[in-house]
Amino acid sequence: SKVVLLRAQSQPGSQPLATSVLEWRFLEKKVQHQRKSVEASL
């Protein structure tokens, strides 16, 4: 996710909104993965 932030900062006129959307999707997938592993261990 850090790579996405750096890439967005390096490009002039880039949209920070697009970066935050990518970050949100990344976190969402991470949470879903953790939730699945927790359910599997129950």
N, C-alpha and C. Protein backbone atom coordinates (compact mmCIF):
# COMPACT_ATOMS: atom_id res chain seq x y z
N SER A 1 0.84 -1.21 0.00
CA SER A 1 0.00 0.00 0.00
C SER A 1 0.87 1.25 0.00
N LYS A 2 2.06 1.12 0.57
CA LYS A 2 2.98 2.26 0.59
C LYS A 2 3.43 2.62 -0.81
N VAL A 3 3.57 1.59 -1.65
CA VAL A 3 4.00 1.83 -3.03
C VAL A 3 2.98 2.68 -3.76
N VAL A 4 1.70 2.42 -3.50
CA VAL A 4 0.63 3.19 -4.15
C VAL A 4 0.70 4.65 -3.74
N LEU A 5 0.95 4.90 -2.45
CA LEU A 5 1.05 6.27 -1.96
C LEU A 5 2.22 7.00 -2.59
N LEU A 6 3.37 6.34 -2.64
CA LEU A 6 4.56 6.94 -3.23
C LEU A 6 4.33 7.24 -4.71
N ARG A 7 3.69 6.33 -5.39
CA ARG A 7 3.43 6.48 -6.82
C ARG A 7 2.51 7.68 -7.06
N ALA A 8 1.52 7.84 -6.20
CA ALA A 8 0.58 8.95 -6.34
C ALA A 8 1.27 10.28 -6.08
N GLN A 9 2.20 10.30 -5.12
CA GLN A 9 2.90 11.54 -4.79
C GLN A 9 3.89 11.92 -5.88
N SER A 10 4.47 10.93 -6.54
CA SER A 10 5.49 11.20 -7.55
C SER A 10 4.87 11.76 -8.84
N GLN A 11 3.58 11.54 -9.04
CA GLN A 11 2.92 12.04 -10.24
C GLN A 11 2.26 13.38 -9.97
N PRO A 12 2.67 14.43 -10.68
CA PRO A 12 2.05 15.75 -10.50
C PRO A 12 0.61 15.77 -11.02
N GLY A 13 -0.28 16.36 -10.25
CA GLY A 13 -1.67 16.44 -10.67
C GLY A 13 -2.44 15.15 -10.49
N SER A 14 -1.87 14.21 -9.74
CA SER A 14 -2.56 12.94 -9.51
C SER A 14 -3.68 13.15 -8.50
N GLN A 15 -4.69 12.30 -8.56
CA GLN A 15 -5.84 12.44 -7.66
C GLN A 15 -5.62 11.65 -6.38
N PRO A 16 -5.58 12.33 -5.23
CA PRO A 16 -5.42 11.63 -3.95
C PRO A 16 -6.62 10.75 -3.63
N LEU A 17 -7.77 11.08 -4.23
CA LEU A 17 -8.98 10.30 -4.00
C LEU A 17 -8.80 8.87 -4.52
N ALA A 18 -8.20 8.76 -5.70
CA ALA A 18 -7.97 7.43 -6.28
C ALA A 18 -7.07 6.60 -5.37
N THR A 19 -6.08 7.26 -4.78
CA THR A 19 -5.16 6.57 -3.88
C THR A 19 -5.90 6.06 -2.64
N SER A 20 -6.75 6.91 -2.07
CA SER A 20 -7.47 6.52 -0.86
C SER A 20 -8.45 5.38 -1.16
N VAL A 21 -8.99 5.37 -2.36
CA VAL A 21 -9.90 4.28 -2.76
C VAL A 21 -9.13 2.97 -2.83
N LEU A 22 -7.92 3.02 -3.41
CA LEU A 22 -7.10 1.82 -3.50
C LEU A 22 -6.72 1.35 -2.10
N GLU A 23 -6.38 2.30 -1.23
CA GLU A 23 -6.03 1.96 0.15
C GLU A 23 -7.21 1.28 0.84
N TRP A 24 -8.41 1.82 0.62
CA TRP A 24 -9.62 1.29 1.26
C TRP A 24 -9.89 -0.13 0.80
N ARG A 25 -9.73 -0.37 -0.51
CA ARG A 25 -9.95 -1.72 -1.05
C ARG A 25 -8.93 -2.69 -0.48
N PHE A 26 -7.69 -2.22 -0.35
CA PHE A 26 -6.62 -3.06 0.19
C PHE A 26 -6.95 -3.46 1.63
N LEU A 27 -7.38 -2.47 2.43
CA LEU A 27 -7.73 -2.74 3.83
C LEU A 27 -8.95 -3.65 3.91
N GLU A 28 -9.90 -3.43 3.00
CA GLU A 28 -11.12 -4.24 2.99
C GLU A 28 -10.79 -5.71 2.73
N LYS A 29 -9.91 -5.96 1.76
CA LYS A 29 -9.50 -7.33 1.44
C LYS A 29 -8.77 -7.94 2.63
N LYS A 30 -7.96 -7.13 3.29
CA LYS A 30 -7.19 -7.61 4.44
C LYS A 30 -8.14 -8.05 5.55
N VAL A 31 -9.16 -7.23 5.81
CA VAL A 31 -10.13 -7.54 6.86
C VAL A 31 -10.91 -8.80 6.51
N GLN A 32 -11.33 -8.91 5.25
CA GLN A 32 -12.08 -10.08 4.81
C GLN A 32 -11.25 -11.35 4.95
N HIS A 33 -9.97 -11.24 4.63
CA HIS A 33 -9.07 -12.40 4.73
C HIS A 33 -8.94 -12.82 6.19
N GLN A 34 -8.77 -11.84 7.08
CA GLN A 34 -8.65 -12.13 8.51
C GLN A 34 -9.93 -12.76 9.04
N ARG A 35 -11.06 -12.25 8.58
CA ARG A 35 -12.36 -12.76 9.02
C ARG A 35 -12.53 -14.21 8.60
N LYS A 36 -12.11 -14.54 7.38
CA LYS A 36 -12.22 -15.91 6.88
C LYS A 36 -11.34 -16.85 7.69
N SER A 37 -10.12 -16.41 8.00
CA SER A 37 -9.20 -17.26 8.75
C SER A 37 -9.71 -17.47 10.18
N VAL A 38 -10.36 -16.46 10.73
CA VAL A 38 -10.92 -16.59 12.08
C VAL A 38 -12.08 -17.59 12.07
N GLU A 39 -12.94 -17.48 11.06
CA GLU A 39 -14.07 -18.41 10.95
C GLU A 39 -13.59 -19.84 10.74
N ALA A 40 -12.50 -19.99 10.01
CA ALA A 40 -11.96 -21.32 9.73
C ALA A 40 -11.39 -21.96 11.00
N SER A 41 -10.87 -21.12 11.90
CA SER A 41 -10.26 -21.65 13.13
C SER A 41 -11.29 -21.98 14.19
N LEU A 42 -12.52 -21.48 14.03
CA LEU A 42 -13.56 -21.76 15.03
C LEU A 42 -14.08 -23.19 14.93
